[in-house]
């Protein structure tokens, strides 16, 4: 949403102000409708994340479809009920996607010309400035700062040191995250580059289908994979293996890397491709000598996004992991469920601090842009 507001020309707001609209009226009648596609996409993404969440819902005892899937599969051993709940939850996800698509009504807005100056901020003073600052600070305070401070206090004052078990959990997490991130970036480059060379068509449709994987909750994905494996003769070989776990990660998070790579490729003009091809470069040389060097920042960002997503993924890891194989997300959930919060502090802090890396990088990139 922030990017959608920043990309709009200030001339639109200036025109509204010239016609007598105040700041609030210009926002509600001009800026907000122009940002509606991005706003609805953000709302749909937040709803899908909330529907797919398992760890927080299970810890606070909230009965959701996701917790019901795990209870049916792992607690009661009822595969039919788990599949039925998974199908229902998948239907809810697709309903959200259709509602988001219908609400936008294929709306796309573009401002002609370039933005020659930055949008001049409207400075608040007095009580308005105080309440606006407070409204912006409260989510950060209660959603991030206080939990991190409490976890840091528990970690520092607990008797649980960074022992061998912690380093084992960290090593497992880093291994899975790194392997998945590298594979996701390579596959994303192949898919995005193939769609660019094919100029749309079936390849573009296939990329859009791949992007739907992020909308599938980890619980539904896990049940689907296990049901599929039960129909194969080699289920005993694949079930509970790293291959299945990485496959689930790629299905779920490949879209994060693909969209980032596609955004980077869109900034490389077709005229550069034509110039290189006219000089005798083939498609492989075009990719290796021109596209990949120009995509270094996008590839790094894509890898970091997938890395962090895998690092904090709980539902799929909880079901598909090999025996006696714990990650930071899994062990944090298990320790918190047992009310061993002091022991869970170090793994939780590691996940939080690692998740800040792409946030800082993306914030700097947006500031430069």
Protein backbone atom coordinates (compact mmCIF):
# COMPACT_ATOMS: atom_id res chain seq x y z
CA UNK A 1 0.00 0.00 0.00
CA UNK A 2 2.82 2.40 0.83
CA UNK A 3 4.36 1.85 -2.59
CA UNK A 4 1.00 2.42 -4.27
CA UNK A 5 0.67 5.82 -2.61
CA UNK A 6 4.26 6.83 -3.36
CA UNK A 7 4.00 5.92 -7.04
CA UNK A 8 1.10 8.31 -7.64
CA UNK A 9 1.88 11.65 -9.16
CA UNK A 10 1.56 14.59 -6.74
CA UNK A 11 -0.17 16.48 -9.52
CA UNK A 12 -3.33 14.48 -8.81
CA UNK A 13 -3.41 15.69 -5.21
CA UNK A 14 -2.51 19.21 -6.31
CA UNK A 15 -5.41 19.22 -8.76
CA UNK A 16 -7.80 18.13 -6.00
CA UNK A 17 -6.49 20.82 -3.67
CA UNK A 18 -6.85 23.41 -6.44
CA UNK A 19 -10.53 22.47 -6.77
CA UNK A 20 -11.05 23.20 -3.09
CA UNK A 21 -10.61 19.76 -1.52
CA UNK A 22 -8.89 19.62 1.85
CA UNK A 23 -6.25 17.04 2.78
CA UNK A 24 -8.75 14.51 4.11
CA UNK A 25 -11.18 14.90 1.23
CA UNK A 26 -8.36 14.59 -1.31
CA UNK A 27 -7.19 11.43 0.44
CA UNK A 28 -10.60 9.77 0.54
CA UNK A 29 -11.74 10.79 -2.95
CA UNK A 30 -8.47 10.71 -4.92
CA UNK A 31 -5.55 8.92 -3.26
CA UNK A 32 -7.44 6.02 -1.67
CA UNK A 33 -9.47 5.03 -4.78
CA UNK A 34 -6.26 5.13 -6.83
CA UNK A 35 -4.59 2.76 -4.34
CA UNK A 36 -7.59 0.44 -4.15
CA UNK A 37 -6.05 -2.48 -6.12
CA UNK A 38 -2.99 -2.57 -3.86
CA UNK A 39 -5.14 -2.07 -0.75
CA UNK A 40 -7.46 -4.95 -1.57
CA UNK A 41 -4.51 -7.18 -2.41
CA UNK A 42 -2.96 -6.35 0.97
CA UNK A 43 -6.23 -7.09 2.79
CA UNK A 44 -6.59 -10.41 0.99
CA UNK A 45 -3.00 -11.34 1.86
CA UNK A 46 -3.56 -10.51 5.54
CA UNK A 47 -6.78 -12.55 5.60
CA UNK A 48 -5.09 -15.55 4.01
CA UNK A 49 -2.21 -15.37 6.50
CA UNK A 50 -4.68 -15.23 9.40
CA UNK A 51 -6.71 -18.16 8.06
CA UNK A 52 -3.57 -20.27 7.54
CA UNK A 53 -1.97 -19.52 10.93
CA UNK A 54 -1.52 -22.45 13.28
CA UNK A 55 1.04 -21.64 15.96
CA UNK A 56 -0.64 -18.61 17.54
CA UNK A 57 -4.12 -20.13 17.28
CA UNK A 58 -3.01 -23.37 18.89
CA UNK A 59 -1.12 -21.59 21.68
CA UNK A 60 -4.07 -19.35 22.61
CA UNK A 61 -6.58 -22.17 22.27
CA UNK A 62 -8.53 -20.65 19.39
CA UNK A 63 -10.44 -23.30 17.46
CA UNK A 64 -9.91 -22.75 13.74
CA UNK A 65 -10.03 -24.95 10.67
CA UNK A 66 -6.23 -25.15 10.66
CA UNK A 67 -6.05 -26.45 14.23
CA UNK A 68 -8.92 -28.81 13.42
CA UNK A 69 -6.93 -30.32 10.54
CA UNK A 70 -4.02 -31.14 12.83
CA UNK A 71 -6.29 -32.46 15.55
CA UNK A 72 -8.07 -34.74 13.09
CA UNK A 73 -4.87 -35.99 11.44
CA UNK A 74 -2.43 -36.25 14.34
CA UNK A 75 -4.72 -36.45 17.35
CA UNK A 76 -7.56 -38.69 16.18
CA UNK A 77 -5.91 -40.34 13.19
CA UNK A 78 -8.97 -39.55 11.08
CA UNK A 79 -7.63 -39.00 7.58
CA UNK A 80 -11.07 -38.50 6.03
CA UNK A 81 -11.96 -35.68 8.42
CA UNK A 82 -8.58 -34.03 7.86
CA UNK A 83 -9.05 -34.14 4.09
CA UNK A 84 -12.57 -32.74 4.36
CA UNK A 85 -11.41 -29.86 6.56
CA UNK A 86 -8.50 -29.20 4.20
CA UNK A 87 -10.86 -29.04 1.22
CA UNK A 88 -13.15 -26.65 3.10
CA UNK A 89 -10.23 -24.42 4.11
CA UNK A 90 -8.93 -24.42 0.55
CA UNK A 91 -12.39 -23.34 -0.58
CA UNK A 92 -12.28 -20.42 1.87
CA UNK A 93 -8.90 -19.35 0.48
CA UNK A 94 -10.12 -19.43 -3.11
CA UNK A 95 -13.24 -17.53 -2.06
CA UNK A 96 -11.02 -14.80 -0.63
CA UNK A 97 -9.04 -14.71 -3.86
CA UNK A 98 -12.20 -14.39 -5.94
CA UNK A 99 -13.59 -11.65 -3.69
CA UNK A 100 -10.32 -9.74 -3.95
CA UNK A 101 -10.35 -10.08 -7.72
CA UNK A 102 -14.01 -9.05 -7.96
CA UNK A 103 -13.52 -6.06 -5.66
CA UNK A 104 -10.81 -4.66 -7.91
CA UNK A 105 -12.91 -5.26 -11.05
CA UNK A 106 -9.71 -5.36 -13.10
CA UNK A 107 -8.95 -1.80 -12.04
CA UNK A 108 -5.54 -0.48 -12.98
CA UNK A 109 -4.47 3.11 -12.66
CA UNK A 110 -1.53 4.79 -14.32
CA UNK A 111 -0.47 8.40 -14.19
CA UNK A 112 0.83 9.94 -17.38
CA UNK A 113 4.18 11.64 -17.32
CA UNK A 114 6.89 11.36 -14.73
CA UNK A 115 6.93 12.54 -11.17
CA UNK A 116 9.37 15.42 -11.19
CA UNK A 117 9.13 16.17 -7.49
CA UNK A 118 8.32 14.40 -4.29
CA UNK A 119 4.96 14.59 -2.62
CA UNK A 120 5.00 17.37 -0.06
CA UNK A 121 3.98 15.96 3.33
CA UNK A 122 1.18 17.59 5.30
CA UNK A 123 2.71 18.45 8.68
CA UNK A 124 0.50 17.97 11.72
CA UNK A 125 0.90 20.04 14.85
CA UNK A 126 -0.33 19.95 18.41
CA UNK A 127 -2.78 17.26 19.44
CA UNK A 128 -3.21 16.03 15.88
CA UNK A 129 0.50 15.27 15.65
CA UNK A 130 0.43 13.52 19.04
CA UNK A 131 -2.53 11.27 18.26
CA UNK A 132 -1.22 10.46 14.78
CA UNK A 133 2.18 9.50 16.21
CA UNK A 134 0.52 7.42 18.92
CA UNK A 135 -1.66 5.58 16.40
CA UNK A 136 1.43 4.71 14.35
CA UNK A 137 3.49 3.73 17.40
CA UNK A 138 0.99 1.44 19.14
CA UNK A 139 1.16 -1.44 16.62
CA UNK A 140 4.96 -1.32 16.68
CA UNK A 141 5.01 -1.10 20.48
CA UNK A 142 2.62 -3.95 21.28
CA UNK A 143 3.27 -6.06 18.21
CA UNK A 144 7.07 -5.95 18.16
CA UNK A 145 8.97 -3.96 20.78
CA UNK A 146 7.31 -5.30 23.94
CA UNK A 147 7.38 -8.97 22.84
CA UNK A 148 11.04 -8.67 21.82
CA UNK A 149 11.95 -6.95 25.10
CA UNK A 150 10.16 -9.65 27.10
CA UNK A 151 11.83 -12.44 25.12
CA UNK A 152 15.23 -10.80 25.53
CA UNK A 153 14.65 -10.48 29.28
CA UNK A 154 13.66 -14.14 29.56
CA UNK A 155 16.63 -15.23 27.47
CA UNK A 156 19.17 -13.22 29.44
CA UNK A 157 17.84 -14.12 32.88
CA UNK A 158 17.13 -17.79 32.22
CA UNK A 159 19.43 -20.64 33.05
CA UNK A 160 19.15 -21.93 29.50
CA UNK A 161 22.35 -21.08 27.67
CA UNK A 162 23.07 -21.45 23.99
CA UNK A 163 23.82 -25.14 24.37
CA UNK A 164 24.44 -27.87 21.83
CA UNK A 165 20.72 -28.40 21.24
CA UNK A 166 20.27 -24.78 20.18
CA UNK A 167 23.07 -25.00 17.64
CA UNK A 168 21.58 -28.23 16.30
CA UNK A 169 18.19 -26.53 15.82
CA UNK A 170 19.88 -23.55 14.21
CA UNK A 171 21.90 -25.77 11.88
CA UNK A 172 18.79 -27.68 10.79
CA UNK A 173 16.95 -24.44 10.13
CA UNK A 174 19.79 -22.82 8.20
CA UNK A 175 20.29 -25.94 6.08
CA UNK A 176 16.64 -26.18 5.04
CA UNK A 177 16.30 -22.43 4.50
CA UNK A 178 19.49 -22.12 2.45
CA UNK A 179 18.81 -25.11 0.20
CA UNK A 180 15.22 -24.04 -0.42
CA UNK A 181 16.21 -20.42 -1.09
CA UNK A 182 18.86 -21.43 -3.64
CA UNK A 183 16.50 -23.81 -5.43
CA UNK A 184 13.69 -21.24 -5.38
CA UNK A 185 15.90 -18.54 -6.90
CA UNK A 186 17.13 -20.86 -9.67
CA UNK A 187 13.61 -22.04 -10.50
CA UNK A 188 12.28 -18.47 -10.35
CA UNK A 189 14.96 -17.26 -12.78
CA UNK A 190 14.13 -20.10 -15.17
CA UNK A 191 10.37 -19.46 -15.02
CA UNK A 192 10.62 -15.68 -15.29
CA UNK A 193 13.19 -15.80 -18.08
CA UNK A 194 11.17 -18.39 -20.02
CA UNK A 195 8.07 -16.21 -19.79
CA UNK A 196 10.07 -13.18 -20.94
CA UNK A 197 11.45 -15.02 -23.96
CA UNK A 198 8.07 -16.57 -24.78
CA UNK A 199 6.39 -13.15 -24.42
CA UNK A 200 3.42 -14.46 -22.45
CA UNK A 201 1.13 -17.30 -23.47
CA UNK A 202 1.20 -20.65 -21.70
CA UNK A 203 4.41 -19.88 -19.80
CA UNK A 204 2.90 -16.74 -18.28
CA UNK A 205 -0.19 -18.70 -17.26
CA UNK A 206 2.02 -21.36 -15.67
CA UNK A 207 3.83 -18.68 -13.65
CA UNK A 208 0.50 -17.35 -12.41
CA UNK A 209 -0.47 -20.86 -11.33
CA UNK A 210 2.81 -21.18 -9.45
CA UNK A 211 2.03 -17.94 -7.63
CA UNK A 212 -1.15 -19.50 -6.21
CA UNK A 213 0.98 -21.79 -4.05
CA UNK A 214 1.52 -19.03 -1.48
CA UNK A 215 -2.24 -18.89 -0.89
CA UNK A 216 -2.40 -22.58 0.09
CA UNK A 217 -2.07 -22.98 3.89
CA UNK A 218 0.74 -25.18 5.14
CA UNK A 219 -1.74 -27.50 6.84
CA UNK A 220 -3.66 -28.11 3.61
CA UNK A 221 -0.43 -28.59 1.67
CA UNK A 222 0.87 -31.13 4.20
CA UNK A 223 -2.33 -33.17 4.15
CA UNK A 224 -2.41 -33.12 0.35
CA UNK A 225 1.18 -34.34 0.10
CA UNK A 226 0.66 -37.12 2.64
CA UNK A 227 -2.53 -38.30 0.95
CA UNK A 228 -0.73 -38.34 -2.40
CA UNK A 229 2.19 -40.28 -0.94
CA UNK A 230 -0.17 -42.86 0.52
CA UNK A 231 -1.20 -43.76 -3.03
CA UNK A 232 2.37 -44.36 -4.20
CA UNK A 233 4.38 -47.54 -3.84
CA UNK A 234 7.45 -45.58 -2.74
CA UNK A 235 5.63 -43.72 0.03
CA UNK A 236 7.84 -45.37 2.65
CA UNK A 237 10.90 -43.91 0.92
CA UNK A 238 9.67 -40.33 0.55
CA UNK A 239 7.51 -39.85 3.64
CA UNK A 240 9.35 -37.99 6.37
CA UNK A 241 12.27 -37.12 4.10
CA UNK A 242 14.01 -33.85 3.33
CA UNK A 243 12.91 -34.09 -0.31
CA UNK A 244 9.23 -33.91 0.59
CA UNK A 245 9.84 -31.11 3.06
CA UNK A 246 11.76 -29.01 0.53
CA UNK A 247 9.11 -29.77 -2.11
CA UNK A 248 6.45 -28.41 0.25
CA UNK A 249 8.53 -25.29 0.90
CA UNK A 250 9.01 -24.68 -2.82
CA UNK A 251 5.31 -25.15 -3.52
CA UNK A 252 4.43 -22.69 -0.78
CA UNK A 253 7.10 -20.01 -1.15
CA UNK A 254 8.31 -20.13 -4.74
CA UNK A 255 5.90 -17.31 -5.59
CA UNK A 256 7.82 -14.93 -3.30
CA UNK A 257 11.01 -15.41 -5.27
CA UNK A 258 9.24 -15.52 -8.63
CA UNK A 259 7.47 -12.20 -8.16
CA UNK A 260 10.69 -10.53 -7.04
CA UNK A 261 12.62 -11.84 -10.05
CA UNK A 262 9.80 -10.86 -12.41
CA UNK A 263 9.80 -7.35 -10.96
CA UNK A 264 13.55 -7.11 -11.54
CA UNK A 265 13.27 -8.40 -15.10
CA UNK A 266 10.52 -5.89 -15.88
CA UNK A 267 13.01 -3.07 -15.27
CA UNK A 268 15.30 -4.40 -18.02
CA UNK A 269 14.02 -2.90 -21.25
CA UNK A 270 13.45 -5.14 -24.31
CA UNK A 271 15.73 -2.82 -26.29
CA UNK A 272 18.69 -4.14 -24.28
CA UNK A 273 17.76 -7.68 -25.29
CA UNK A 274 17.44 -6.64 -28.92
CA UNK A 275 20.83 -4.91 -28.87
CA UNK A 276 22.56 -7.96 -27.41
CA UNK A 277 20.84 -10.31 -29.85
CA UNK A 278 21.83 -8.11 -32.79
CA UNK A 279 25.47 -8.45 -31.69
CA UNK A 280 25.25 -12.22 -31.92
CA UNK A 281 24.40 -13.18 -28.33
CA UNK A 282 22.18 -16.21 -27.87
CA UNK A 283 19.59 -16.59 -25.11
CA UNK A 284 22.05 -18.21 -22.68
CA UNK A 285 24.66 -15.48 -23.18
CA UNK A 286 21.94 -12.86 -22.83
CA UNK A 287 20.94 -14.33 -19.48
CA UNK A 288 24.45 -14.90 -18.12
CA UNK A 289 26.12 -11.69 -19.32
CA UNK A 290 23.32 -9.12 -19.10
CA UNK A 291 20.29 -10.24 -17.12
CA UNK A 292 21.94 -11.99 -14.18
CA UNK A 293 24.40 -9.14 -13.42
CA UNK A 294 21.53 -6.65 -13.54
CA UNK A 295 19.38 -8.91 -11.38
CA UNK A 296 21.86 -9.35 -8.53
CA UNK A 297 19.89 -7.20 -6.10
CA UNK A 298 16.58 -8.82 -7.08
CA UNK A 299 18.07 -12.31 -6.73
CA UNK A 300 19.45 -11.47 -3.29
CA UNK A 301 16.09 -10.08 -2.19
CA UNK A 302 14.24 -13.11 -3.57
CA UNK A 303 16.59 -15.48 -1.77
CA UNK A 304 16.23 -13.62 1.52
CA UNK A 305 12.44 -13.59 1.31
CA UNK A 306 12.28 -17.34 0.70
CA UNK A 307 14.95 -17.95 3.36
CA UNK A 308 12.97 -16.11 6.05
CA UNK A 309 9.65 -17.66 5.00
CA UNK A 310 11.11 -21.15 5.32
CA UNK A 311 12.79 -20.29 8.59
CA UNK A 312 9.52 -19.34 10.28
CA UNK A 313 7.28 -21.92 8.58
CA UNK A 314 5.61 -24.13 11.20
CA UNK A 315 2.59 -26.10 9.87
CA UNK A 316 4.30 -27.91 6.99
CA UNK A 317 7.48 -28.53 8.98
CA UNK A 318 5.56 -29.90 11.94
CA UNK A 319 3.93 -32.63 9.86
CA UNK A 320 6.46 -33.43 7.13
CA UNK A 321 9.78 -33.22 9.02
CA UNK A 322 11.90 -36.33 9.51
CA UNK A 323 11.87 -38.00 12.91
CA UNK A 324 14.01 -36.33 15.57
CA UNK A 325 14.53 -33.31 13.33
CA UNK A 326 13.59 -29.97 14.87
CA UNK A 327 13.85 -26.45 13.50
CA UNK A 328 13.73 -23.18 15.39
CA UNK A 329 10.06 -22.69 14.52
CA UNK A 330 9.08 -26.20 15.62
CA UNK A 331 11.02 -26.11 18.88
CA UNK A 332 9.72 -22.62 19.71
CA UNK A 333 6.15 -23.85 19.28
CA UNK A 334 6.73 -27.01 21.32
CA UNK A 335 8.45 -25.20 24.18
CA UNK A 336 5.82 -22.45 24.24
CA UNK A 337 3.03 -25.05 24.23
CA UNK A 338 4.66 -26.60 27.32
CA UNK A 339 4.85 -23.10 28.92
CA UNK A 340 8.65 -23.27 28.89
CA UNK A 341 8.85 -19.70 27.66
CA UNK A 342 12.35 -19.03 28.97
CA UNK A 343 13.71 -21.95 26.95
CA UNK A 344 11.77 -20.79 23.88
CA UNK A 345 13.19 -17.25 24.10
CA UNK A 346 16.47 -17.84 22.27
CA UNK A 347 14.97 -19.71 19.28
CA UNK A 348 12.18 -17.14 19.00
CA UNK A 349 14.62 -14.22 19.13
CA UNK A 350 16.74 -15.83 16.43
CA UNK A 351 13.74 -16.07 14.11
CA UNK A 352 12.71 -12.46 14.80
CA UNK A 353 16.18 -10.99 14.30
CA UNK A 354 16.71 -12.98 11.10
CA UNK A 355 13.36 -11.79 9.79
CA UNK A 356 14.48 -8.19 10.18
CA UNK A 357 17.19 -8.58 7.52
CA UNK A 358 14.92 -8.51 4.44
CA UNK A 359 12.81 -5.79 6.06
CA UNK A 360 15.86 -3.52 6.35
CA UNK A 361 17.04 -4.33 2.83
CA UNK A 362 13.62 -3.72 1.28
CA UNK A 363 13.17 -0.49 3.24
CA UNK A 364 16.49 0.83 1.97
CA UNK A 365 15.62 -0.19 -1.58
CA UNK A 366 12.29 1.63 -1.36
CA UNK A 367 14.00 4.71 0.07
CA UNK A 368 16.47 4.76 -2.84
CA UNK A 369 13.63 4.39 -5.34
